[in-house]
Structures are given as structure tokens and as C-alpha cells.
Amino acid sequence: MLRLAVLAVGAALLIAGVIAAICGVPVVTLWLLGAGGVITAGTVFERVLYKPLQSKKPGAGWVKTDERFVDPNTGETVDVFYEPTSGERQYVSQRADRPG
């Protein structure tokens, strides 16, 4: 719900920027298009950049770090694993530690 509201605000700013450009108001146009573009792009690409929780531990070569946090979306405690050769990180729910 919040995501849709933020997208609507971003789209409204982009539309207002186009209208301002048609009316010939350059400073307002740049601000509206810039703000609308950042809000819209940030909201759309946020899902791509956020790493989803894994349900099982990664395979060989992964090292469990001391990092642990509570995922704000699920409320689950998460362990962080690191792959030294690539630098990639994986976020694994602690439920993966429990059998069944």
C-alpha cells in the first residue's frame, strides 16, 4: 500500500514536470522531473536491490559472519553469510538452522 502511494507521488511529480516544461518554467521543470524520477526509480528498483531471505544455508565455501539482525519485513532473525572469493553476501533466516 505504501509502495503504491510513493509511486503515485513520484508519477504525479513527473506529470507536473512535463506540464511545467510545456508551460515553459525551466527551474520548476528540472526540480519536478528530478524529484519525481528519483522517487519513482528508487521505489521501482528497491525490490531489485533488496536481497531476499534464503530459506536454507548456502553451500560449501560460504562463511557465517558474526552479523545477525531482525528483518523488519518478516520479524525473523537473520544470519549473514559471506563468500570470500566473490564478496557476495546471503541473508539466511535462522529457521534454516532448525530441522523440520
PDB file of N, CA and C in Angstrom:
ATOM      1  N   MET A   1       0.823  -1.190   0.000  1.00  0.00           N
ATOM      2  CA  MET A   1       0.000   0.000   0.000  1.00  0.00           C
ATOM      3  C   MET A   1       0.871   1.259   0.000  1.00  0.00           C
ATOM      4  N   LEU A   2       1.853   1.292   0.911  1.00  0.00           N
ATOM      5  CA  LEU A   2       2.740   2.448   0.975  1.00  0.00           C
ATOM      6  C   LEU A   2       3.546   2.580  -0.318  1.00  0.00           C
ATOM      7  N   ARG A   3       3.974   1.437  -0.848  1.00  0.00           N
ATOM      8  CA  ARG A   3       4.752   1.443  -2.090  1.00  0.00           C
ATOM      9  C   ARG A   3       3.947   2.085  -3.218  1.00  0.00           C
ATOM     10  N   LEU A   4       2.672   1.747  -3.328  1.00  0.00           N
ATOM     11  CA  LEU A   4       1.818   2.337  -4.365  1.00  0.00           C
ATOM     12  C   LEU A   4       1.638   3.839  -4.160  1.00  0.00           C
ATOM     13  N   ALA A   5       1.516   4.249  -2.903  1.00  0.00           N
ATOM     14  CA  ALA A   5       1.366   5.676  -2.616  1.00  0.00           C
ATOM     15  C   ALA A   5       2.624   6.444  -3.020  1.00  0.00           C
ATOM     16  N   VAL A   6       3.790   5.886  -2.724  1.00  0.00           N
ATOM     17  CA  VAL A   6       5.048   6.543  -3.091  1.00  0.00           C
ATOM     18  C   VAL A   6       5.195   6.599  -4.612  1.00  0.00           C
ATOM     19  N   LEU A   7       4.834   5.498  -5.291  1.00  0.00           N
ATOM     20  CA  LEU A   7       4.863   5.508  -6.760  1.00  0.00           C
ATOM     21  C   LEU A   7       3.913   6.555  -7.333  1.00  0.00           C
ATOM     22  N   ALA A   8       2.744   6.707  -6.715  1.00  0.00           N
ATOM     23  CA  ALA A   8       1.774   7.711  -7.177  1.00  0.00           C
ATOM     24  C   ALA A   8       2.332   9.122  -7.017  1.00  0.00           C
ATOM     25  N   VAL A   9       3.006   9.377  -5.902  1.00  0.00           N
ATOM     26  CA  VAL A   9       3.614  10.703  -5.688  1.00  0.00           C
ATOM     27  C   VAL A   9       4.702  10.951  -6.733  1.00  0.00           C
ATOM     28  N   GLY A  10       5.537   9.949  -6.977  1.00  0.00           N
ATOM     29  CA  GLY A  10       6.595  10.078  -7.989  1.00  0.00           C
ATOM     30  C   GLY A  10       6.021  10.333  -9.367  1.00  0.00           C
ATOM     31  N   ALA A  11       4.975   9.597  -9.726  1.00  0.00           N
ATOM     32  CA  ALA A  11       4.332   9.791 -11.034  1.00  0.00           C
ATOM     33  C   ALA A  11       3.693  11.168 -11.135  1.00  0.00           C
ATOM     34  N   ALA A  12       3.068  11.623 -10.045  1.00  0.00           N
ATOM     35  CA  ALA A  12       2.452  12.948 -10.045  1.00  0.00           C
ATOM     36  C   ALA A  12       3.504  14.040 -10.252  1.00  0.00           C
ATOM     37  N   LEU A  13       4.652  13.890  -9.623  1.00  0.00           N
ATOM     38  CA  LEU A  13       5.732  14.863  -9.801  1.00  0.00           C
ATOM     39  C   LEU A  13       6.253  14.849 -11.243  1.00  0.00           C
ATOM     40  N   LEU A  14       6.368  13.653 -11.823  1.00  0.00           N
ATOM     41  CA  LEU A  14       6.804  13.567 -13.216  1.00  0.00           C
ATOM     42  C   LEU A  14       5.802  14.229 -14.155  1.00  0.00           C
ATOM     43  N   ILE A  15       4.516  13.991 -13.925  1.00  0.00           N
ATOM     44  CA  ILE A  15       3.481  14.617 -14.760  1.00  0.00           C
ATOM     45  C   ILE A  15       3.494  16.131 -14.587  1.00  0.00           C
ATOM     46  N   ALA A  16       3.646  16.577 -13.349  1.00  0.00           N
ATOM     47  CA  ALA A  16       3.723  18.023 -13.105  1.00  0.00           C
ATOM     48  C   ALA A  16       4.951  18.620 -13.785  1.00  0.00           C
ATOM     49  N   GLY A  17       6.052  17.863 -13.823  1.00  0.00           N
ATOM     50  CA  GLY A  17       7.260  18.330 -14.504  1.00  0.00           C
ATOM     51  C   GLY A  17       7.041  18.471 -16.005  1.00  0.00           C
ATOM     52  N   VAL A  18       6.327  17.539 -16.592  1.00  0.00           N
ATOM     53  CA  VAL A  18       6.025  17.628 -18.017  1.00  0.00           C
ATOM     54  C   VAL A  18       5.133  18.837 -18.297  1.00  0.00           C
ATOM     55  N   ILE A  19       4.142  19.050 -17.439  1.00  0.00           N
ATOM     56  CA  ILE A  19       3.258  20.218 -17.599  1.00  0.00           C
ATOM     57  C   ILE A  19       4.054  21.511 -17.452  1.00  0.00           C
ATOM     58  N   ALA A  20       4.962  21.558 -16.478  1.00  0.00           N
ATOM     59  CA  ALA A  20       5.792  22.755 -16.288  1.00  0.00           C
ATOM     60  C   ALA A  20       6.690  22.988 -17.502  1.00  0.00           C
ATOM     61  N   ALA A  21       7.176  21.907 -18.103  1.00  0.00           N
ATOM     62  CA  ALA A  21       8.009  22.045 -19.307  1.00  0.00           C
ATOM     63  C   ALA A  21       7.194  22.610 -20.460  1.00  0.00           C
ATOM     64  N   ILE A  22       5.968  22.147 -20.608  1.00  0.00           N
ATOM     65  CA  ILE A  22       5.086  22.657 -21.681  1.00  0.00           C
ATOM     66  C   ILE A  22       4.784  24.132 -21.462  1.00  0.00           C
ATOM     67  N   CYS A  23       4.639  24.527 -20.199  1.00  0.00           N
ATOM     68  CA  CYS A  23       4.350  25.936 -19.877  1.00  0.00           C
ATOM     69  C   CYS A  23       5.588  26.816 -19.909  1.00  0.00           C
ATOM     70  N   GLY A  24       6.765  26.212 -20.033  1.00  0.00           N
ATOM     71  CA  GLY A  24       7.997  26.982 -20.158  1.00  0.00           C
ATOM     72  C   GLY A  24       8.570  27.496 -18.852  1.00  0.00           C
ATOM     73  N   VAL A  25       8.483  26.731 -17.786  1.00  0.00           N
ATOM     74  CA  VAL A  25       9.037  27.117 -16.490  1.00  0.00           C
ATOM     75  C   VAL A  25      10.230  26.199 -16.201  1.00  0.00           C
ATOM     76  N   PRO A  26      11.452  26.603 -16.626  1.00  0.00           N
ATOM     77  CA  PRO A  26      12.596  25.678 -16.600  1.00  0.00           C
ATOM     78  C   PRO A  26      13.054  25.228 -15.210  1.00  0.00           C
ATOM     79  N   VAL A  27      13.129  26.109 -14.237  1.00  0.00           N
ATOM     80  CA  VAL A  27      13.661  25.730 -12.927  1.00  0.00           C
ATOM     81  C   VAL A  27      12.725  24.742 -12.230  1.00  0.00           C
ATOM     82  N   VAL A  28      11.451  25.036 -12.253  1.00  0.00           N
ATOM     83  CA  VAL A  28      10.473  24.146 -11.636  1.00  0.00           C
ATOM     84  C   VAL A  28      10.443  22.805 -12.375  1.00  0.00           C
ATOM     85  N   THR A  29      10.571  22.854 -13.700  1.00  0.00           N
ATOM     86  CA  THR A  29      10.574  21.637 -14.501  1.00  0.00           C
ATOM     87  C   THR A  29      11.693  20.707 -14.069  1.00  0.00           C
ATOM     88  N   LEU A  30      12.894  21.218 -13.939  1.00  0.00           N
ATOM     89  CA  LEU A  30      14.028  20.400 -13.540  1.00  0.00           C
ATOM     90  C   LEU A  30      13.830  19.795 -12.154  1.00  0.00           C
ATOM     91  N   TRP A  31      13.325  20.594 -11.226  1.00  0.00           N
ATOM     92  CA  TRP A  31      13.111  20.097  -9.871  1.00  0.00           C
ATOM     93  C   TRP A  31      12.054  18.997  -9.864  1.00  0.00           C
ATOM     94  N   LEU A  32      10.932  19.238 -10.518  1.00  0.00           N
ATOM     95  CA  LEU A  32       9.849  18.259 -10.532  1.00  0.00           C
ATOM     96  C   LEU A  32      10.263  16.956 -11.224  1.00  0.00           C
ATOM     97  N   LEU A  33      10.918  17.076 -12.375  1.00  0.00           N
ATOM     98  CA  LEU A  33      11.355  15.877 -13.084  1.00  0.00           C
ATOM     99  C   LEU A  33      12.427  15.120 -12.304  1.00  0.00           C
ATOM    100  N   GLY A  34      13.346  15.856 -11.685  1.00  0.00           N
ATOM    101  CA  GLY A  34      14.399  15.220 -10.895  1.00  0.00           C
ATOM    102  C   GLY A  34      13.837  14.503  -9.677  1.00  0.00           C
ATOM    103  N   ALA A  35      13.015  15.193  -8.905  1.00  0.00           N
ATOM    104  CA  ALA A  35      12.433  14.587  -7.696  1.00  0.00           C
ATOM    105  C   ALA A  35      11.522  13.415  -8.059  1.00  0.00           C
ATOM    106  N   GLY A  36      10.686  13.623  -9.075  1.00  0.00           N
ATOM    107  CA  GLY A  36       9.789  12.540  -9.498  1.00  0.00           C
ATOM    108  C   GLY A  36      10.552  11.341 -10.022  1.00  0.00           C
ATOM    109  N   GLY A  37      11.622  11.590 -10.763  1.00  0.00           N
ATOM    110  CA  GLY A  37      12.431  10.496 -11.297  1.00  0.00           C
ATOM    111  C   GLY A  37      13.139   9.713 -10.207  1.00  0.00           C
ATOM    112  N   VAL A  38      13.696  10.414  -9.233  1.00  0.00           N
ATOM    113  CA  VAL A  38      14.401   9.748  -8.132  1.00  0.00           C
ATOM    114  C   VAL A  38      13.420   8.926  -7.290  1.00  0.00           C
ATOM    115  N   ILE A  39      12.279   9.500  -6.962  1.00  0.00           N
ATOM    116  CA  ILE A  39      11.293   8.781  -6.146  1.00  0.00           C
ATOM    117  C   ILE A  39      10.779   7.549  -6.885  1.00  0.00           C
ATOM    118  N   THR A  40      10.437   7.721  -8.161  1.00  0.00           N
ATOM    119  CA  THR A  40       9.899   6.606  -8.934  1.00  0.00           C
ATOM    120  C   THR A  40      10.954   5.514  -9.144  1.00  0.00           C
ATOM    121  N   ALA A  41      12.138   5.897  -9.583  1.00  0.00           N
ATOM    122  CA  ALA A  41      13.196   4.913  -9.834  1.00  0.00           C
ATOM    123  C   ALA A  41      13.607   4.210  -8.538  1.00  0.00           C
ATOM    124  N   GLY A  42      13.732   4.956  -7.460  1.00  0.00           N
ATOM    125  CA  GLY A  42      14.109   4.358  -6.189  1.00  0.00           C
ATOM    126  C   GLY A  42      13.094   3.337  -5.712  1.00  0.00           C
ATOM    127  N   THR A  43      11.831   3.640  -5.899  1.00  0.00           N
ATOM    128  CA  THR A  43      10.779   2.722  -5.472  1.00  0.00           C
ATOM    129  C   THR A  43      10.727   1.486  -6.361  1.00  0.00           C
ATOM    130  N   VAL A  44      10.895   1.670  -7.661  1.00  0.00           N
ATOM    131  CA  VAL A  44      10.852   0.536  -8.590  1.00  0.00           C
ATOM    132  C   VAL A  44      12.063  -0.370  -8.398  1.00  0.00           C
ATOM    133  N   PHE A  45      13.255   0.202  -8.273  1.00  0.00           N
ATOM    134  CA  PHE A  45      14.476  -0.605  -8.187  1.00  0.00           C
ATOM    135  C   PHE A  45      14.784  -1.100  -6.781  1.00  0.00           C
ATOM    136  N   GLU A  46      14.071  -0.624  -5.780  1.00  0.00           N
ATOM    137  CA  GLU A  46      14.280  -1.078  -4.403  1.00  0.00           C
ATOM    138  C   GLU A  46      14.074  -2.579  -4.301  1.00  0.00           C
ATOM    139  N   ARG A  47      13.110  -3.100  -5.014  1.00  0.00           N
ATOM    140  CA  ARG A  47      12.829  -4.540  -4.976  1.00  0.00           C
ATOM    141  C   ARG A  47      13.954  -5.340  -5.616  1.00  0.00           C
ATOM    142  N   VAL A  48      14.644  -4.745  -6.570  1.00  0.00           N
ATOM    143  CA  VAL A  48      15.738  -5.439  -7.241  1.00  0.00           C
ATOM    144  C   VAL A  48      16.974  -5.476  -6.350  1.00  0.00           C
ATOM    145  N   LEU A  49      17.226  -4.399  -5.635  1.00  0.00           N
ATOM    146  CA  LEU A  49      18.441  -4.291  -4.836  1.00  0.00           C
ATOM    147  C   LEU A  49      18.337  -4.986  -3.489  1.00  0.00           C
ATOM    148  N   TYR A  50      17.154  -5.112  -2.957  1.00  0.00           N
ATOM    149  CA  TYR A  50      16.977  -5.750  -1.661  1.00  0.00           C
ATOM    150  C   TYR A  50      17.163  -7.250  -1.827  1.00  0.00           C
ATOM    151  N   LYS A  51      18.050  -7.819  -1.038  1.00  0.00           N
ATOM    152  CA  LYS A  51      18.304  -9.257  -1.129  1.00  0.00           C
ATOM    153  C   LYS A  51      17.260 -10.011  -0.305  1.00  0.00           C
ATOM    154  N   PRO A  52      16.541 -10.927  -0.943  1.00  0.00           N
ATOM    155  CA  PRO A  52      15.534 -11.688  -0.202  1.00  0.00           C
ATOM    156  C   PRO A  52      16.176 -12.684   0.759  1.00  0.00           C
ATOM    157  N   LEU A  53      15.431 -13.061   1.782  1.00  0.00           N
ATOM    158  CA  LEU A  53      15.913 -14.050   2.736  1.00  0.00           C
ATOM    159  C   LEU A  53      15.956 -15.419   2.081  1.00  0.00           C
ATOM    160  N   GLN A  54      17.006 -16.151   2.368  1.00  0.00           N
ATOM    161  CA  GLN A  54      17.127 -17.529   1.897  1.00  0.00           C
ATOM    162  C   GLN A  54      16.528 -18.444   2.965  1.00  0.00           C
ATOM    163  N   SER A  55      15.976 -19.554   2.538  1.00  0.00           N
ATOM    164  CA  SER A  55      15.362 -20.476   3.495  1.00  0.00           C
ATOM    165  C   SER A  55      16.315 -21.582   3.923  1.00  0.00           C
ATOM    166  N   LYS A  56      17.458 -21.698   3.232  1.00  0.00           N
ATOM    167  CA  LYS A  56      18.441 -22.710   3.640  1.00  0.00           C
ATOM    168  C   LYS A  56      19.842 -22.117   3.550  1.00  0.00           C
ATOM    169  N   LYS A  57      20.764 -22.724   4.303  1.00  0.00           N
ATOM    170  CA  LYS A  57      22.141 -22.238   4.338  1.00  0.00           C
ATOM    171  C   LYS A  57      22.799 -22.428   2.974  1.00  0.00           C
ATOM    172  N   PRO A  58      23.719 -21.512   2.603  1.00  0.00           N
ATOM    173  CA  PRO A  58      24.429 -21.682   1.332  1.00  0.00           C
ATOM    174  C   PRO A  58      25.395 -22.862   1.396  1.00  0.00           C
ATOM    175  N   GLY A  59      25.887 -23.266   0.246  1.00  0.00           N
ATOM    176  CA  GLY A  59      26.756 -24.447   0.159  1.00  0.00           C
ATOM    177  C   GLY A  59      28.172 -24.200   0.640  1.00  0.00           C
ATOM    178  N   ALA A  60      29.063 -25.066   0.196  1.00  0.00           N
ATOM    179  CA  ALA A  60      30.471 -25.017   0.595  1.00  0.00           C
ATOM    180  C   ALA A  60      31.121 -23.717   0.135  1.00  0.00           C
ATOM    181  N   GLY A  61      32.066 -23.241   0.906  1.00  0.00           N
ATOM    182  CA  GLY A  61      32.792 -22.030   0.555  1.00  0.00           C
ATOM    183  C   GLY A  61      32.223 -20.774   1.189  1.00  0.00           C
ATOM    184  N   TRP A  62      31.046 -20.863   1.771  1.00  0.00           N
ATOM    185  CA  TRP A  62      30.423 -19.712   2.425  1.00  0.00           C
ATOM    186  C   TRP A  62      30.802 -19.695   3.896  1.00  0.00           C
ATOM    187  N   VAL A  63      31.055 -18.503   4.423  1.00  0.00           N
ATOM    188  CA  VAL A  63      31.464 -18.340   5.818  1.00  0.00           C
ATOM    189  C   VAL A  63      30.368 -17.569   6.554  1.00  0.00           C
ATOM    190  N   LYS A  64      29.949 -18.098   7.692  1.00  0.00           N
ATOM    191  CA  LYS A  64      28.963 -17.401   8.514  1.00  0.00           C
ATOM    192  C   LYS A  64      29.660 -16.267   9.250  1.00  0.00           C
ATOM    193  N   THR A  65      29.142 -15.056   9.138  1.00  0.00           N
ATOM    194  CA  THR A  65      29.730 -13.904   9.824  1.00  0.00           C
ATOM    195  C   THR A  65      29.118 -13.768  11.218  1.00  0.00           C
ATOM    196  N   ASP A  66      29.627 -12.814  11.985  1.00  0.00           N
ATOM    197  CA  ASP A  66      29.066 -12.535  13.313  1.00  0.00           C
ATOM    198  C   ASP A  66      27.827 -11.655  13.224  1.00  0.00           C
ATOM    199  N   GLU A  67      27.503 -11.203  12.010  1.00  0.00           N
ATOM    200  CA  GLU A  67      26.356 -10.314  11.837  1.00  0.00           C
ATOM    201  C   GLU A  67      25.051 -11.080  12.013  1.00  0.00           C
ATOM    202  N   ARG A  68      24.133 -10.443  12.706  1.00  0.00           N
ATOM    203  CA  ARG A  68      22.807 -11.008  12.911  1.00  0.00           C
ATOM    204  C   ARG A  68      21.866  -9.824  13.131  1.00  0.00           C
ATOM    205  N   PHE A  69      20.682  -9.885  12.533  1.00  0.00           N
ATOM    206  CA  PHE A  69      19.722  -8.809  12.699  1.00  0.00           C
ATOM    207  C   PHE A  69      18.309  -9.351  12.544  1.00  0.00           C
ATOM    208  N   VAL A  70      17.342  -8.536  12.908  1.00  0.00           N
ATOM    209  CA  VAL A  70      15.940  -8.897  12.737  1.00  0.00           C
ATOM    210  C   VAL A  70      15.436  -8.198  11.477  1.00  0.00           C
ATOM    211  N   ASP A  71      14.934  -8.989  10.541  1.00  0.00           N
ATOM    212  CA  ASP A  71      14.407  -8.439   9.296  1.00  0.00           C
ATOM    213  C   ASP A  71      13.126  -7.665   9.604  1.00  0.00           C
ATOM    214  N   PRO A  72      13.072  -6.380   9.252  1.00  0.00           N
ATOM    215  CA  PRO A  72      11.894  -5.579   9.585  1.00  0.00           C
ATOM    216  C   PRO A  72      10.632  -6.020   8.835  1.00  0.00           C
ATOM    217  N   ASN A  73      10.775  -6.660   7.692  1.00  0.00           N
ATOM    218  CA  ASN A  73       9.596  -7.082   6.927  1.00  0.00           C
ATOM    219  C   ASN A  73       8.957  -8.353   7.475  1.00  0.00           C
ATOM    220  N   THR A  74       9.785  -9.296   7.939  1.00  0.00           N
ATOM    221  CA  THR A  74       9.263 -10.590   8.379  1.00  0.00           C
ATOM    222  C   THR A  74       9.319 -10.783   9.885  1.00  0.00           C
ATOM    223  N   GLY A  75      10.159 -10.002  10.577  1.00  0.00           N
ATOM    224  CA  GLY A  75      10.340 -10.165  12.012  1.00  0.00           C
ATOM    225  C   GLY A  75      11.240 -11.340  12.366  1.00  0.00           C
ATOM    226  N   GLU A  76      11.815 -11.993  11.343  1.00  0.00           N
ATOM    227  CA  GLU A  76      12.682 -13.148  11.575  1.00  0.00           C
ATOM    228  C   GLU A  76      14.115 -12.702  11.861  1.00  0.00           C
ATOM    229  N   THR A  77      14.805 -13.487  12.698  1.00  0.00           N
ATOM    230  CA  THR A  77      16.223 -13.248  12.941  1.00  0.00           C
ATOM    231  C   THR A  77      17.000 -13.821  11.759  1.00  0.00           C
ATOM    232  N   VAL A  78      17.969 -13.053  11.274  1.00  0.00           N
ATOM    233  CA  VAL A  78      18.688 -13.392  10.051  1.00  0.00           C
ATOM    234  C   VAL A  78      20.182 -13.488  10.323  1.00  0.00           C
ATOM    235  N   ASP A  79      20.813 -14.538   9.788  1.00  0.00           N
ATOM    236  CA  ASP A  79      22.264 -14.684   9.823  1.00  0.00           C
ATOM    237  C   ASP A  79      22.823 -14.252   8.471  1.00  0.00           C
ATOM    238  N   VAL A  80      24.031 -13.692   8.489  1.00  0.00           N
ATOM    239  CA  VAL A  80      24.667 -13.230   7.250  1.00  0.00           C
ATOM    240  C   VAL A  80      25.822 -14.168   6.915  1.00  0.00           C
ATOM    241  N   PHE A  81      25.839 -14.640   5.662  1.00  0.00           N
ATOM    242  CA  PHE A  81      26.912 -15.496   5.156  1.00  0.00           C
ATOM    243  C   PHE A  81      27.673 -14.723   4.089  1.00  0.00           C
ATOM    244  N   TYR A  82      28.975 -15.006   3.980  1.00  0.00           N
ATOM    245  CA  TYR A  82      29.873 -14.276   3.088  1.00  0.00           C
ATOM    246  C   TYR A  82      30.669 -15.280   2.255  1.00  0.00           C
ATOM    247  N   GLU A  83      30.806 -14.981   0.957  1.00  0.00           N
ATOM    248  CA  GLU A  83      31.594 -15.835   0.066  1.00  0.00           C
ATOM    249  C   GLU A  83      32.874 -15.076  -0.249  1.00  0.00           C
ATOM    250  N   PRO A  84      34.026 -15.461   0.340  1.00  0.00           N
ATOM    251  CA  PRO A  84      35.260 -14.674   0.248  1.00  0.00           C
ATOM    252  C   PRO A  84      35.775 -14.428  -1.173  1.00  0.00           C
ATOM    253  N   THR A  85      35.599 -15.370  -2.085  1.00  0.00           N
ATOM    254  CA  THR A  85      36.146 -15.160  -3.434  1.00  0.00           C
ATOM    255  C   THR A  85      35.402 -14.096  -4.217  1.00  0.00           C
ATOM    256  N   SER A  86      34.088 -14.055  -4.087  1.00  0.00           N
ATOM    257  CA  SER A  86      33.304 -13.093  -4.878  1.00  0.00           C
ATOM    258  C   SER A  86      32.893 -11.869  -4.065  1.00  0.00           C
ATOM    259  N   GLY A  87      32.877 -12.004  -2.731  1.00  0.00           N
ATOM    260  CA  GLY A  87      32.422 -10.903  -1.883  1.00  0.00           C
ATOM    261  C   GLY A  87      30.911 -10.867  -1.731  1.00  0.00           C
ATOM    262  N   GLU A  88      30.224 -11.839  -2.328  1.00  0.00           N
ATOM    263  CA  GLU A  88      28.761 -11.880  -2.260  1.00  0.00           C
ATOM    264  C   GLU A  88      28.312 -12.221  -0.848  1.00  0.00           C
ATOM    265  N   ARG A  89      27.146 -11.688  -0.486  1.00  0.00           N
ATOM    266  CA  ARG A  89      26.566 -11.956   0.822  1.00  0.00           C
ATOM    267  C   ARG A  89      25.192 -12.589   0.636  1.00  0.00           C
ATOM    268  N   GLN A  90      24.832 -13.471   1.556  1.00  0.00           N
ATOM    269  CA  GLN A  90      23.496 -14.053   1.565  1.00  0.00           C
ATOM    270  C   GLN A  90      22.903 -13.896   2.947  1.00  0.00           C
ATOM    271  N   TYR A  91      21.613 -13.631   2.980  1.00  0.00           N
ATOM    272  CA  TYR A  91      20.896 -13.445   4.229  1.00  0.00           C
ATOM    273  C   TYR A  91      19.986 -14.651   4.435  1.00  0.00           C
ATOM    274  N   VAL A  92      20.226 -15.395   5.525  1.00  0.00           N
ATOM    275  CA  VAL A  92      19.536 -16.654   5.750  1.00  0.00           C
ATOM    276  C   VAL A  92      18.734 -16.575   7.042  1.00  0.00           C
ATOM    277  N   SER A  93      17.458 -16.903   6.943  1.00  0.00           N
ATOM    278  CA  SER A  93      16.598 -16.956   8.116  1.00  0.00           C
ATOM    279  C   SER A  93      17.119 -17.996   9.085  1.00  0.00           C
ATOM    280  N   GLN A  94      17.072 -17.702  10.384  1.00  0.00           N
ATOM    281  CA  GLN A  94      17.548 -18.666  11.370  1.00  0.00           C
ATOM    282  C   GLN A  94      16.654 -19.901  11.410  1.00  0.00           C
ATOM    283  N   ARG A  95      15.479 -19.826  10.810  1.00  0.00           N
ATOM    284  CA  ARG A  95      14.621 -21.005  10.740  1.00  0.00           C
ATOM    285  C   ARG A  95      15.301 -22.116   9.938  1.00  0.00           C
ATOM    286  N   ALA A  96      16.273 -21.743   9.097  1.00  0.00           N
ATOM    287  CA  ALA A  96      17.015 -22.742   8.317  1.00  0.00           C
ATOM    288  C   ALA A  96      17.876 -23.605   9.237  1.00  0.00           C
ATOM    289  N   ASP A  97      18.214 -23.093  10.439  1.00  0.00           N
ATOM    290  CA  ASP A  97      19.027 -23.857  11.404  1.00  0.00           C
ATOM    291  C   ASP A  97      18.230 -24.970  12.052  1.00  0.00           C
ATOM    292  N   ARG A  98      16.909 -24.785  12.116  1.00  0.00           N
ATOM    293  CA  ARG A  98      16.059 -25.746  12.830  1.00  0.00           C
ATOM    294  C   ARG A  98      15.585 -26.850  11.898  1.00  0.00           C
ATOM    295  N   PRO A  99      15.656 -28.073  12.333  1.00  0.00           N
ATOM    296  CA  PRO A  99      15.130 -29.149  11.500  1.00  0.00           C
ATOM    297  C   PRO A  99      13.611 -29.115  11.435  1.00  0.00           C
ATOM    298  N   GLY A 100      13.081 -29.539  10.273  1.00  0.00           N
ATOM    299  CA  GLY A 100      11.626 -29.645  10.117  1.00  0.00           C
ATOM    300  C   GLY A 100      11.032 -28.343   9.954  1.00  0.00           C
TER     301      GLY A 100
END
